[in-house]
C-alpha cells in the first residue's frame, strides 16, 4: 500500500537465499536444507486457524516464479538478475 506497510489484506512476498555456514557444507546441501525450512515456515505462517493466519506468504515473485527453485544461492541469484531478469523483476525487489 502507499504507506509502505503491511495491512490486513497484504501478503508477504519473499525470496529465499541460502549459503553454507562453513566449508563442511556444500551449496547444494544448504539449499536443500533451506528449501525444507522455507516451505515449512511459509506453510505455518499461511495456515488458517480459528484466529486466522499470521501472513499469506507468496514466493511467486522469485526468479522463474513457481517454475524455479524455492531457494537459491547468492551466486545463482546474482547470475539470474545479471543475465535474465526483466525490468519488472528489479522493481519487485523494491
PDB file of N, CA and C in Angstrom:
ATOM      1  N   UNK A   1       0.827  -1.178   0.000  1.00  0.00           N
ATOM      2  CA  UNK A   1       0.000   0.000   0.000  1.00  0.00           C
ATOM      3  C   UNK A   1       0.873   1.244   0.000  1.00  0.00           C
ATOM      4  N   UNK A   2       0.290   2.371  -0.237  1.00  0.00           N
ATOM      5  CA  UNK A   2       1.028   3.616  -0.346  1.00  0.00           C
ATOM      6  C   UNK A   2       1.808   3.998   0.896  1.00  0.00           C
ATOM      7  N   UNK A   3       1.393   3.530   2.059  1.00  0.00           N
ATOM      8  CA  UNK A   3       2.085   3.878   3.301  1.00  0.00           C
ATOM      9  C   UNK A   3       3.292   2.978   3.554  1.00  0.00           C
ATOM     10  N   UNK A   4       3.583   2.079   2.633  1.00  0.00           N
ATOM     11  CA  UNK A   4       4.702   1.143   2.733  1.00  0.00           C
ATOM     12  C   UNK A   4       4.629   0.295   4.001  1.00  0.00           C
ATOM     13  N   UNK A   5       3.461  -0.188   4.311  1.00  0.00           N
ATOM     14  CA  UNK A   5       3.291  -1.030   5.485  1.00  0.00           C
ATOM     15  C   UNK A   5       2.367  -2.181   5.145  1.00  0.00           C
ATOM     16  N   UNK A   6       2.485  -3.250   5.902  1.00  0.00           N
ATOM     17  CA  UNK A   6       1.571  -4.366   5.736  1.00  0.00           C
ATOM     18  C   UNK A   6       0.223  -3.990   6.320  1.00  0.00           C
ATOM     19  N   UNK A   7      -0.811  -4.467   5.706  1.00  0.00           N
ATOM     20  CA  UNK A   7      -2.131  -4.288   6.293  1.00  0.00           C
ATOM     21  C   UNK A   7      -2.836  -5.632   6.248  1.00  0.00           C
ATOM     22  N   UNK A   8      -4.045  -5.692   6.679  1.00  0.00           N
ATOM     23  CA  UNK A   8      -4.727  -6.971   6.813  1.00  0.00           C
ATOM     24  C   UNK A   8      -4.986  -7.686   5.492  1.00  0.00           C
ATOM     25  N   UNK A   9      -4.840  -7.014   4.367  1.00  0.00           N
ATOM     26  CA  UNK A   9      -5.052  -7.690   3.089  1.00  0.00           C
ATOM     27  C   UNK A   9      -3.754  -7.939   2.327  1.00  0.00           C
ATOM     28  N   UNK A  10      -2.628  -7.535   2.876  1.00  0.00           N
ATOM     29  CA  UNK A  10      -1.352  -7.728   2.195  1.00  0.00           C
ATOM     30  C   UNK A  10      -0.859  -9.156   2.369  1.00  0.00           C
ATOM     31  N   UNK A  11      -0.212  -9.665   1.331  1.00  0.00           N
ATOM     32  CA  UNK A  11       0.543 -10.891   1.513  1.00  0.00           C
ATOM     33  C   UNK A  11       2.009 -10.491   1.661  1.00  0.00           C
ATOM     34  N   UNK A  12       2.832 -11.434   2.016  1.00  0.00           N
ATOM     35  CA  UNK A  12       4.252 -11.175   2.194  1.00  0.00           C
ATOM     36  C   UNK A  12       4.982 -11.836   1.038  1.00  0.00           C
ATOM     37  N   UNK A  13       5.568 -11.028   0.169  1.00  0.00           N
ATOM     38  CA  UNK A  13       6.339 -11.545  -0.959  1.00  0.00           C
ATOM     39  C   UNK A  13       7.759 -11.808  -0.484  1.00  0.00           C
ATOM     40  N   UNK A  14       8.237 -13.024  -0.695  1.00  0.00           N
ATOM     41  CA  UNK A  14       9.555 -13.408  -0.191  1.00  0.00           C
ATOM     42  C   UNK A  14      10.421 -14.005  -1.292  1.00  0.00           C
ATOM     43  N   UNK A  15      11.710 -13.884  -1.095  1.00  0.00           N
ATOM     44  CA  UNK A  15      12.719 -14.555  -1.907  1.00  0.00           C
ATOM     45  C   UNK A  15      13.695 -15.171  -0.922  1.00  0.00           C
ATOM     46  N   UNK A  16      14.000 -16.435  -1.094  1.00  0.00           N
ATOM     47  CA  UNK A  16      14.876 -17.135  -0.160  1.00  0.00           C
ATOM     48  C   UNK A  16      16.256 -17.353  -0.769  1.00  0.00           C
ATOM     49  N   UNK A  17      17.291 -17.036   0.018  1.00  0.00           N
ATOM     50  CA  UNK A  17      18.681 -17.233  -0.391  1.00  0.00           C
ATOM     51  C   UNK A  17      19.377 -18.003   0.722  1.00  0.00           C
ATOM     52  N   UNK A  18      20.167 -19.020   0.347  1.00  0.00           N
ATOM     53  CA  UNK A  18      20.893 -19.814   1.341  1.00  0.00           C
ATOM     54  C   UNK A  18      22.349 -19.956   0.937  1.00  0.00           C
ATOM     55  N   UNK A  19      23.191 -19.950   1.923  1.00  0.00           N
ATOM     56  CA  UNK A  19      24.629 -20.163   1.731  1.00  0.00           C
ATOM     57  C   UNK A  19      25.110 -21.133   2.804  1.00  0.00           C
ATOM     58  N   UNK A  20      26.126 -21.925   2.501  1.00  0.00           N
ATOM     59  CA  UNK A  20      26.676 -22.820   3.527  1.00  0.00           C
ATOM     60  C   UNK A  20      27.253 -22.018   4.691  1.00  0.00           C
ATOM     61  N   UNK A  21      27.072 -22.524   5.898  1.00  0.00           N
ATOM     62  CA  UNK A  21      27.594 -21.842   7.083  1.00  0.00           C
ATOM     63  C   UNK A  21      29.099 -22.026   7.226  1.00  0.00           C
ATOM     64  N   UNK A  22      29.622 -23.114   6.655  1.00  0.00           N
ATOM     65  CA  UNK A  22      31.061 -23.367   6.728  1.00  0.00           C
ATOM     66  C   UNK A  22      31.481 -24.250   5.554  1.00  0.00           C
ATOM     67  N   UNK A  23      32.761 -24.550   5.475  1.00  0.00           N
ATOM     68  CA  UNK A  23      33.289 -25.327   4.350  1.00  0.00           C
ATOM     69  C   UNK A  23      32.882 -26.795   4.378  1.00  0.00           C
ATOM     70  N   UNK A  24      32.336 -27.268   5.494  1.00  0.00           N
ATOM     71  CA  UNK A  24      31.918 -28.666   5.597  1.00  0.00           C
ATOM     72  C   UNK A  24      30.576 -28.926   4.918  1.00  0.00           C
ATOM     73  N   UNK A  25      29.870 -27.870   4.559  1.00  0.00           N
ATOM     74  CA  UNK A  25      28.541 -27.996   3.947  1.00  0.00           C
ATOM     75  C   UNK A  25      28.609 -27.464   2.520  1.00  0.00           C
ATOM     76  N   UNK A  26      28.071 -28.214   1.576  1.00  0.00           N
ATOM     77  CA  UNK A  26      28.065 -27.761   0.181  1.00  0.00           C
ATOM     78  C   UNK A  26      26.917 -26.786  -0.053  1.00  0.00           C
ATOM     79  N   UNK A  27      27.016 -26.040  -1.132  1.00  0.00           N
ATOM     80  CA  UNK A  27      25.935 -25.133  -1.505  1.00  0.00           C
ATOM     81  C   UNK A  27      24.644 -25.886  -1.756  1.00  0.00           C
ATOM     82  N   UNK A  28      24.760 -27.060  -2.393  1.00  0.00           N
ATOM     83  CA  UNK A  28      23.569 -27.867  -2.681  1.00  0.00           C
ATOM     84  C   UNK A  28      22.903 -28.333  -1.390  1.00  0.00           C
ATOM     85  N   UNK A  29      23.702 -28.737  -0.410  1.00  0.00           N
ATOM     86  CA  UNK A  29      23.134 -29.166   0.876  1.00  0.00           C
ATOM     87  C   UNK A  29      22.458 -28.005   1.591  1.00  0.00           C
ATOM     88  N   UNK A  30      23.084 -26.845   1.548  1.00  0.00           N
ATOM     89  CA  UNK A  30      22.495 -25.664   2.184  1.00  0.00           C
ATOM     90  C   UNK A  30      21.156 -25.332   1.543  1.00  0.00           C
ATOM     91  N   UNK A  31      21.083 -25.416   0.224  1.00  0.00           N
ATOM     92  CA  UNK A  31      19.832 -25.116  -0.481  1.00  0.00           C
ATOM     93  C   UNK A  31      18.769 -26.157  -0.150  1.00  0.00           C
ATOM     94  N   UNK A  32      19.145 -27.425  -0.075  1.00  0.00           N
ATOM     95  CA  UNK A  32      18.188 -28.482   0.268  1.00  0.00           C
ATOM     96  C   UNK A  32      17.602 -28.259   1.658  1.00  0.00           C
ATOM     97  N   UNK A  33      18.463 -27.983   2.613  1.00  0.00           N
ATOM     98  CA  UNK A  33      18.006 -27.731   3.984  1.00  0.00           C
ATOM     99  C   UNK A  33      17.142 -26.474   4.034  1.00  0.00           C
ATOM    100  N   UNK A  34      17.594 -25.414   3.388  1.00  0.00           N
ATOM    101  CA  UNK A  34      16.852 -24.148   3.395  1.00  0.00           C
ATOM    102  C   UNK A  34      15.504 -24.280   2.699  1.00  0.00           C
ATOM    103  N   UNK A  35      15.421 -25.107   1.667  1.00  0.00           N
ATOM    104  CA  UNK A  35      14.150 -25.314   0.965  1.00  0.00           C
ATOM    105  C   UNK A  35      13.128 -25.949   1.897  1.00  0.00           C
ATOM    106  N   UNK A  36      13.549 -26.954   2.651  1.00  0.00           N
ATOM    107  CA  UNK A  36      12.641 -27.590   3.615  1.00  0.00           C
ATOM    108  C   UNK A  36      12.201 -26.587   4.680  1.00  0.00           C
ATOM    109  N   UNK A  37      13.143 -25.803   5.176  1.00  0.00           N
ATOM    110  CA  UNK A  37      12.829 -24.802   6.196  1.00  0.00           C
ATOM    111  C   UNK A  37      11.895 -23.724   5.653  1.00  0.00           C
ATOM    112  N   UNK A  38      12.193 -23.210   4.455  1.00  0.00           N
ATOM    113  CA  UNK A  38      11.367 -22.153   3.852  1.00  0.00           C
ATOM    114  C   UNK A  38       9.942 -22.642   3.608  1.00  0.00           C
ATOM    115  N   UNK A  39       9.807 -23.856   3.088  1.00  0.00           N
ATOM    116  CA  UNK A  39       8.472 -24.402   2.830  1.00  0.00           C
ATOM    117  C   UNK A  39       7.693 -24.569   4.135  1.00  0.00           C
ATOM    118  N   UNK A  40       8.371 -25.028   5.184  1.00  0.00           N
ATOM    119  CA  UNK A  40       7.707 -25.207   6.481  1.00  0.00           C
ATOM    120  C   UNK A  40       7.274 -23.878   7.084  1.00  0.00           C
ATOM    121  N   UNK A  41       8.158 -22.893   7.046  1.00  0.00           N
ATOM    122  CA  UNK A  41       7.828 -21.577   7.600  1.00  0.00           C
ATOM    123  C   UNK A  41       6.660 -20.952   6.831  1.00  0.00           C
ATOM    124  N   UNK A  42       6.699 -21.033   5.505  1.00  0.00           N
ATOM    125  CA  UNK A  42       5.614 -20.474   4.692  1.00  0.00           C
ATOM    126  C   UNK A  42       4.293 -21.174   5.000  1.00  0.00           C
ATOM    127  N   UNK A  43       4.342 -22.494   5.132  1.00  0.00           N
ATOM    128  CA  UNK A  43       3.135 -23.262   5.432  1.00  0.00           C
ATOM    129  C   UNK A  43       2.580 -22.871   6.805  1.00  0.00           C
ATOM    130  N   UNK A  44       3.455 -22.743   7.806  1.00  0.00           N
ATOM    131  CA  UNK A  44       2.997 -22.370   9.151  1.00  0.00           C
ATOM    132  C   UNK A  44       2.426 -20.950   9.175  1.00  0.00           C
ATOM    133  N   UNK A  45       3.095 -20.027   8.506  1.00  0.00           N
ATOM    134  CA  UNK A  45       2.624 -18.633   8.506  1.00  0.00           C
ATOM    135  C   UNK A  45       1.301 -18.480   7.765  1.00  0.00           C
ATOM    136  N   UNK A  46       1.102 -19.289   6.732  1.00  0.00           N
ATOM    137  CA  UNK A  46      -0.100 -19.181   5.908  1.00  0.00           C
ATOM    138  C   UNK A  46      -1.253 -20.043   6.408  1.00  0.00           C
ATOM    139  N   UNK A  47      -0.987 -20.933   7.362  1.00  0.00           N
ATOM    140  CA  UNK A  47      -2.019 -21.852   7.848  1.00  0.00           C
ATOM    141  C   UNK A  47      -3.150 -21.079   8.522  1.00  0.00           C
ATOM    142  N   UNK A  48      -4.362 -21.534   8.273  1.00  0.00           N
ATOM    143  CA  UNK A  48      -5.537 -20.900   8.871  1.00  0.00           C
ATOM    144  C   UNK A  48      -5.887 -21.596  10.181  1.00  0.00           C
ATOM    145  N   UNK A  49      -6.245 -20.806  11.153  1.00  0.00           N
ATOM    146  CA  UNK A  49      -6.718 -21.326  12.436  1.00  0.00           C
ATOM    147  C   UNK A  49      -7.983 -20.552  12.790  1.00  0.00           C
ATOM    148  N   UNK A  50      -8.505 -20.798  13.947  1.00  0.00           N
ATOM    149  CA  UNK A  50      -9.684 -20.062  14.391  1.00  0.00           C
ATOM    150  C   UNK A  50      -9.434 -18.568  14.479  1.00  0.00           C
ATOM    151  N   UNK A  51      -8.180 -18.196  14.707  1.00  0.00           N
ATOM    152  CA  UNK A  51      -7.819 -16.779  14.816  1.00  0.00           C
ATOM    153  C   UNK A  51      -7.337 -16.198  13.491  1.00  0.00           C
ATOM    154  N   UNK A  52      -7.351 -16.997  12.448  1.00  0.00           N
ATOM    155  CA  UNK A  52      -6.853 -16.535  11.143  1.00  0.00           C
ATOM    156  C   UNK A  52      -5.467 -17.081  10.879  1.00  0.00           C
ATOM    157  N   UNK A  53      -4.715 -16.396  10.060  1.00  0.00           N
ATOM    158  CA  UNK A  53      -3.345 -16.815   9.770  1.00  0.00           C
ATOM    159  C   UNK A  53      -2.403 -15.668  10.107  1.00  0.00           C
ATOM    160  N   UNK A  54      -1.126 -15.990  10.240  1.00  0.00           N
ATOM    161  CA  UNK A  54      -0.148 -14.941  10.540  1.00  0.00           C
ATOM    162  C   UNK A  54       0.000 -14.045   9.319  1.00  0.00           C
ATOM    163  N   UNK A  55       0.439 -14.617   8.206  1.00  0.00           N
ATOM    164  CA  UNK A  55       0.565 -13.912   6.929  1.00  0.00           C
ATOM    165  C   UNK A  55       0.316 -14.903   5.815  1.00  0.00           C
ATOM    166  N   UNK A  56      -0.116 -14.415   4.691  1.00  0.00           N
ATOM    167  CA  UNK A  56      -0.113 -15.211   3.477  1.00  0.00           C
ATOM    168  C   UNK A  56       1.259 -14.992   2.836  1.00  0.00           C
ATOM    169  N   UNK A  57       2.059 -16.027   2.775  1.00  0.00           N
ATOM    170  CA  UNK A  57       3.413 -15.930   2.240  1.00  0.00           C
ATOM    171  C   UNK A  57       3.381 -16.304   0.768  1.00  0.00           C
ATOM    172  N   UNK A  58       3.955 -15.446  -0.073  1.00  0.00           N
ATOM    173  CA  UNK A  58       3.947 -15.644  -1.518  1.00  0.00           C
ATOM    174  C   UNK A  58       5.376 -15.586  -2.050  1.00  0.00           C
ATOM    175  N   UNK A  59       5.852 -16.705  -2.573  1.00  0.00           N
ATOM    176  CA  UNK A  59       7.201 -16.761  -3.138  1.00  0.00           C
ATOM    177  C   UNK A  59       7.166 -16.756  -4.664  1.00  0.00           C
ATOM    178  N   UNK A  60       6.032 -16.416  -5.252  1.00  0.00           N
ATOM    179  CA  UNK A  60       5.884 -16.477  -6.711  1.00  0.00           C
ATOM    180  C   UNK A  60       6.685 -15.411  -7.452  1.00  0.00           C
ATOM    181  N   UNK A  61       7.135 -14.364  -6.770  1.00  0.00           N
ATOM    182  CA  UNK A  61       7.921 -13.323  -7.441  1.00  0.00           C
ATOM    183  C   UNK A  61       9.409 -13.658  -7.497  1.00  0.00           C
ATOM    184  N   UNK A  62       9.783 -14.827  -7.025  1.00  0.00           N
ATOM    185  CA  UNK A  62      11.194 -15.230  -7.082  1.00  0.00           C
ATOM    186  C   UNK A  62      11.599 -15.468  -8.537  1.00  0.00           C
ATOM    187  N   UNK A  63      12.909 -15.522  -8.808  1.00  0.00           N
ATOM    188  CA  UNK A  63      13.350 -15.802 -10.177  1.00  0.00           C
ATOM    189  C   UNK A  63      12.696 -17.069 -10.729  1.00  0.00           C
ATOM    190  N   UNK A  64      12.165 -16.968 -11.924  1.00  0.00           N
ATOM    191  CA  UNK A  64      11.458 -18.039 -12.629  1.00  0.00           C
ATOM    192  C   UNK A  64      10.117 -18.388 -12.003  1.00  0.00           C
ATOM    193  N   UNK A  65       9.664 -17.605 -11.049  1.00  0.00           N
ATOM    194  CA  UNK A  65       8.350 -17.827 -10.458  1.00  0.00           C
ATOM    195  C   UNK A  65       8.197 -19.215  -9.868  1.00  0.00           C
ATOM    196  N   UNK A  66       6.993 -19.750  -9.912  1.00  0.00           N
ATOM    197  CA  UNK A  66       6.724 -21.071  -9.346  1.00  0.00           C
ATOM    198  C   UNK A  66       7.440 -22.188 -10.084  1.00  0.00           C
ATOM    199  N   UNK A  67       7.940 -21.926 -11.288  1.00  0.00           N
ATOM    200  CA  UNK A  67       8.681 -22.941 -12.044  1.00  0.00           C
ATOM    201  C   UNK A  67      10.135 -23.040 -11.584  1.00  0.00           C
ATOM    202  N   UNK A  68      10.616 -22.039 -10.850  1.00  0.00           N
ATOM    203  CA  UNK A  68      12.005 -22.026 -10.396  1.00  0.00           C
ATOM    204  C   UNK A  68      12.155 -22.608  -9.008  1.00  0.00           C
ATOM    205  N   UNK A  69      13.397 -22.793  -8.574  1.00  0.00           N
ATOM    206  CA  UNK A  69      13.625 -23.323  -7.226  1.00  0.00           C
ATOM    207  C   UNK A  69      13.154 -22.340  -6.159  1.00  0.00           C
ATOM    208  N   UNK A  70      12.676 -22.868  -5.049  1.00  0.00           N
ATOM    209  CA  UNK A  70      12.199 -22.018  -3.959  1.00  0.00           C
ATOM    210  C   UNK A  70      13.356 -21.259  -3.313  1.00  0.00           C
ATOM    211  N   UNK A  71      14.518 -21.896  -3.226  1.00  0.00           N
ATOM    212  CA  UNK A  71      15.701 -21.301  -2.598  1.00  0.00           C
ATOM    213  C   UNK A  71      16.860 -21.365  -3.580  1.00  0.00           C
ATOM    214  N   UNK A  72      17.650 -20.306  -3.624  1.00  0.00           N
ATOM    215  CA  UNK A  72      18.842 -20.248  -4.474  1.00  0.00           C
ATOM    216  C   UNK A  72      20.032 -19.793  -3.636  1.00  0.00           C
ATOM    217  N   UNK A  73      21.231 -20.051  -4.161  1.00  0.00           N
ATOM    218  CA  UNK A  73      22.430 -19.478  -3.551  1.00  0.00           C
ATOM    219  C   UNK A  73      22.560 -18.038  -4.029  1.00  0.00           C
ATOM    220  N   UNK A  74      23.405 -17.278  -3.372  1.00  0.00           N
ATOM    221  CA  UNK A  74      23.625 -15.886  -3.774  1.00  0.00           C
ATOM    222  C   UNK A  74      24.199 -15.828  -5.192  1.00  0.00           C
ATOM    223  N   UNK A  75      25.123 -16.734  -5.525  1.00  0.00           N
ATOM    224  CA  UNK A  75      25.677 -16.755  -6.884  1.00  0.00           C
ATOM    225  C   UNK A  75      24.594 -17.019  -7.922  1.00  0.00           C
ATOM    226  N   UNK A  76      23.690 -17.932  -7.613  1.00  0.00           N
ATOM    227  CA  UNK A  76      22.592 -18.234  -8.527  1.00  0.00           C
ATOM    228  C   UNK A  76      21.674 -17.027  -8.702  1.00  0.00           C
ATOM    229  N   UNK A  77      21.388 -16.338  -7.607  1.00  0.00           N
ATOM    230  CA  UNK A  77      20.556 -15.125  -7.689  1.00  0.00           C
ATOM    231  C   UNK A  77      21.249 -14.064  -8.529  1.00  0.00           C
ATOM    232  N   UNK A  78      22.516 -13.838  -8.255  1.00  0.00           N
ATOM    233  CA  UNK A  78      23.279 -12.818  -8.980  1.00  0.00           C
ATOM    234  C   UNK A  78      23.286 -13.135 -10.480  1.00  0.00           C
ATOM    235  N   UNK A  79      23.551 -14.382 -10.828  1.00  0.00           N
ATOM    236  CA  UNK A  79      23.568 -14.786 -12.235  1.00  0.00           C
ATOM    237  C   UNK A  79      22.213 -14.549 -12.880  1.00  0.00           C
ATOM    238  N   UNK A  80      21.146 -14.937 -12.199  1.00  0.00           N
ATOM    239  CA  UNK A  80      19.807 -14.741 -12.758  1.00  0.00           C
ATOM    240  C   UNK A  80      19.544 -13.266 -13.041  1.00  0.00           C
ATOM    241  N   UNK A  81      19.794 -12.412 -12.050  1.00  0.00           N
ATOM    242  CA  UNK A  81      19.491 -10.991 -12.221  1.00  0.00           C
ATOM    243  C   UNK A  81      20.413 -10.319 -13.235  1.00  0.00           C
ATOM    244  N   UNK A  82      21.643 -10.779 -13.358  1.00  0.00           N
ATOM    245  CA  UNK A  82      22.558 -10.190 -14.341  1.00  0.00           C
ATOM    246  C   UNK A  82      22.244 -10.625 -15.767  1.00  0.00           C
ATOM    247  N   UNK A  83      21.742 -11.846 -15.956  1.00  0.00           N
ATOM    248  CA  UNK A  83      21.568 -12.382 -17.310  1.00  0.00           C
ATOM    249  C   UNK A  83      20.131 -12.392 -17.820  1.00  0.00           C
ATOM    250  N   UNK A  84      19.173 -12.694 -16.957  1.00  0.00           N
ATOM    251  CA  UNK A  84      17.838 -12.983 -17.472  1.00  0.00           C
ATOM    252  C   UNK A  84      16.707 -12.118 -16.925  1.00  0.00           C
ATOM    253  N   UNK A  85      16.908 -11.432 -15.834  1.00  0.00           N
ATOM    254  CA  UNK A  85      15.802 -10.716 -15.189  1.00  0.00           C
ATOM    255  C   UNK A  85      15.240  -9.607 -16.073  1.00  0.00           C
ATOM    256  N   UNK A  86      13.946  -9.452 -16.012  1.00  0.00           N
ATOM    257  CA  UNK A  86      13.239  -8.371 -16.703  1.00  0.00           C
ATOM    258  C   UNK A  86      13.170  -7.154 -15.778  1.00  0.00           C
ATOM    259  N   UNK A  87      12.891  -5.996 -16.352  1.00  0.00           N
ATOM    260  CA  UNK A  87      12.828  -4.764 -15.551  1.00  0.00           C
ATOM    261  C   UNK A  87      11.865  -4.870 -14.376  1.00  0.00           C
ATOM    262  N   UNK A  88      10.688  -5.462 -14.601  1.00  0.00           N
ATOM    263  CA  UNK A  88       9.702  -5.544 -13.526  1.00  0.00           C
ATOM    264  C   UNK A  88      10.218  -6.376 -12.355  1.00  0.00           C
ATOM    265  N   UNK A  89      11.141  -7.325 -12.618  1.00  0.00           N
ATOM    266  CA  UNK A  89      11.676  -8.145 -11.533  1.00  0.00           C
ATOM    267  C   UNK A  89      12.569  -7.323 -10.604  1.00  0.00           C
ATOM    268  N   UNK A  90      13.282  -6.358 -11.161  1.00  0.00           N
ATOM    269  CA  UNK A  90      14.070  -5.457 -10.321  1.00  0.00           C
ATOM    270  C   UNK A  90      13.140  -4.554  -9.512  1.00  0.00           C
ATOM    271  N   UNK A  91      12.074  -4.094 -10.136  1.00  0.00           N
ATOM    272  CA  UNK A  91      11.118  -3.236  -9.438  1.00  0.00           C
ATOM    273  C   UNK A  91      10.442  -3.985  -8.295  1.00  0.00           C
ATOM    274  N   UNK A  92      10.195  -5.272  -8.484  1.00  0.00           N
ATOM    275  CA  UNK A  92       9.544  -6.063  -7.438  1.00  0.00           C
ATOM    276  C   UNK A  92      10.415  -6.195  -6.193  1.00  0.00           C
ATOM    277  N   UNK A  93      11.719  -6.009  -6.341  1.00  0.00           N
ATOM    278  CA  UNK A  93      12.618  -6.098  -5.193  1.00  0.00           C
ATOM    279  C   UNK A  93      12.536  -4.878  -4.282  1.00  0.00           C
ATOM    280  N   UNK A  94      11.988  -3.788  -4.797  1.00  0.00           N
ATOM    281  CA  UNK A  94      11.938  -2.555  -4.002  1.00  0.00           C
ATOM    282  C   UNK A  94      10.930  -2.635  -2.883  1.00  0.00           C
TER     283      UNK A  94
END
